[in-house]
Amino acid sequence: MSQTSMLRPNGINHLALSTANMKTTLTFFNEVLGMPLAALYWMHGAEQAIHGFFGAEQIVLSGVCIHA
């Protein structure tokens, strides 16, 4: 592979984290880190999974909680 055809990433789109307790995660990222909740919904294709997005102008964080 030549130098000119190599990928050159310039950032990260989002970071996804798995959590056992979405309520605690929501509280931490919102109240402690000051990241507002952008969206919270049932995750498609994964039964009993909640997907939450926290956002700031340049940062998007995604959290997933799967209830067994």
C-alpha atoms as a PDB file:
ATOM      1  CA  MET A   1       0.000   0.000   0.000  1.00  0.00           C
ATOM      2  CA  SER A   2       1.450   3.353  -0.977  1.00  0.00           C
ATOM      3  CA  GLN A   3       1.676   6.309   1.375  1.00  0.00           C
ATOM      4  CA  THR A   4      -0.876   8.267  -0.673  1.00  0.00           C
ATOM      5  CA  SER A   5      -3.544   5.545  -0.486  1.00  0.00           C
ATOM      6  CA  MET A   6      -3.388   4.994   3.290  1.00  0.00           C
ATOM      7  CA  LEU A   7      -6.267   6.090   5.511  1.00  0.00           C
ATOM      8  CA  ARG A   8      -5.569   9.228   7.478  1.00  0.00           C
ATOM      9  CA  PRO A   9      -8.258   9.583  10.163  1.00  0.00           C
ATOM     10  CA  ASN A  10      -8.710  13.074  11.556  1.00  0.00           C
ATOM     11  CA  GLY A  11     -11.035  12.332  14.465  1.00  0.00           C
ATOM     12  CA  ILE A  12     -13.450   9.993  16.204  1.00  0.00           C
ATOM     13  CA  ASN A  13     -17.175  10.004  15.410  1.00  0.00           C
ATOM     14  CA  HIS A  14     -18.370   8.670  18.762  1.00  0.00           C
ATOM     15  CA  LEU A  15     -17.401   6.468  21.668  1.00  0.00           C
ATOM     16  CA  ALA A  16     -19.727   3.629  22.682  1.00  0.00           C
ATOM     17  CA  LEU A  17     -19.760   2.200  26.206  1.00  0.00           C
ATOM     18  CA  SER A  18     -21.674  -0.709  27.676  1.00  0.00           C
ATOM     19  CA  THR A  19     -23.227  -0.267  31.102  1.00  0.00           C
ATOM     20  CA  ALA A  20     -25.131  -2.424  33.561  1.00  0.00           C
ATOM     21  CA  ASN A  21     -26.972   0.568  35.033  1.00  0.00           C
ATOM     22  CA  MET A  22     -28.242   3.190  32.583  1.00  0.00           C
ATOM     23  CA  LYS A  23     -29.707   5.419  35.309  1.00  0.00           C
ATOM     24  CA  THR A  24     -26.327   5.731  37.052  1.00  0.00           C
ATOM     25  CA  THR A  25     -24.627   6.308  33.703  1.00  0.00           C
ATOM     26  CA  LEU A  26     -27.155   9.021  32.754  1.00  0.00           C
ATOM     27  CA  THR A  27     -26.632  10.764  36.085  1.00  0.00           C
ATOM     28  CA  PHE A  28     -22.836  10.611  35.879  1.00  0.00           C
ATOM     29  CA  PHE A  29     -22.465  11.921  32.335  1.00  0.00           C
ATOM     30  CA  ASN A  30     -25.158  14.566  32.756  1.00  0.00           C
ATOM     31  CA  GLU A  31     -24.625  15.860  36.284  1.00  0.00           C
ATOM     32  CA  VAL A  32     -20.918  15.155  36.869  1.00  0.00           C
ATOM     33  CA  LEU A  33     -19.474  15.687  33.372  1.00  0.00           C
ATOM     34  CA  GLY A  34     -22.110  18.188  32.213  1.00  0.00           C
ATOM     35  CA  MET A  35     -22.948  16.326  28.996  1.00  0.00           C
ATOM     36  CA  PRO A  36     -26.625  16.800  28.093  1.00  0.00           C
ATOM     37  CA  LEU A  37     -28.718  13.787  27.103  1.00  0.00           C
ATOM     38  CA  ALA A  38     -29.312  14.054  23.343  1.00  0.00           C
ATOM     39  CA  ALA A  39     -31.443  10.914  22.843  1.00  0.00           C
ATOM     40  CA  LEU A  40     -32.624   7.808  24.688  1.00  0.00           C
ATOM     41  CA  TYR A  41     -34.420   4.974  22.920  1.00  0.00           C
ATOM     42  CA  TRP A  42     -34.848   1.218  22.668  1.00  0.00           C
ATOM     43  CA  MET A  43     -32.043  -0.197  20.550  1.00  0.00           C
ATOM     44  CA  HIS A  44     -33.126  -1.823  17.288  1.00  0.00           C
ATOM     45  CA  GLY A  45     -32.130  -5.444  16.809  1.00  0.00           C
ATOM     46  CA  ALA A  46     -31.240  -6.013  20.465  1.00  0.00           C
ATOM     47  CA  GLU A  47     -34.104  -7.050  22.708  1.00  0.00           C
ATOM     48  CA  GLN A  48     -34.271  -5.231  26.056  1.00  0.00           C
ATOM     49  CA  ALA A  49     -31.412  -2.869  25.143  1.00  0.00           C
ATOM     50  CA  ILE A  50     -31.531   0.879  25.793  1.00  0.00           C
ATOM     51  CA  HIS A  51     -29.327   3.201  23.746  1.00  0.00           C
ATOM     52  CA  GLY A  52     -28.516   6.662  25.050  1.00  0.00           C
ATOM     53  CA  PHE A  53     -26.597   9.479  23.396  1.00  0.00           C
ATOM     54  CA  PHE A  54     -24.964  12.291  25.318  1.00  0.00           C
ATOM     55  CA  GLY A  55     -23.701  15.260  23.408  1.00  0.00           C
ATOM     56  CA  ALA A  56     -21.751  18.437  23.508  1.00  0.00           C
ATOM     57  CA  GLU A  57     -20.721  20.526  20.513  1.00  0.00           C
ATOM     58  CA  GLN A  58     -17.668  18.445  19.626  1.00  0.00           C
ATOM     59  CA  ILE A  59     -18.266  15.258  21.656  1.00  0.00           C
ATOM     60  CA  VAL A  60     -20.833  12.486  21.263  1.00  0.00           C
ATOM     61  CA  LEU A  61     -20.946   9.576  23.689  1.00  0.00           C
ATOM     62  CA  SER A  62     -23.165   6.546  23.310  1.00  0.00           C
ATOM     63  CA  GLY A  63     -24.166   4.242  26.170  1.00  0.00           C
ATOM     64  CA  VAL A  64     -25.916   0.881  25.839  1.00  0.00           C
ATOM     65  CA  CYS A  65     -27.622  -1.040  28.646  1.00  0.00           C
ATOM     66  CA  ILE A  66     -28.829  -4.584  27.961  1.00  0.00           C
ATOM     67  CA  HIS A  67     -31.237  -6.107  30.486  1.00  0.00           C
ATOM     68  CA  ALA A  68     -30.979  -9.870  30.644  1.00  0.00           C
END
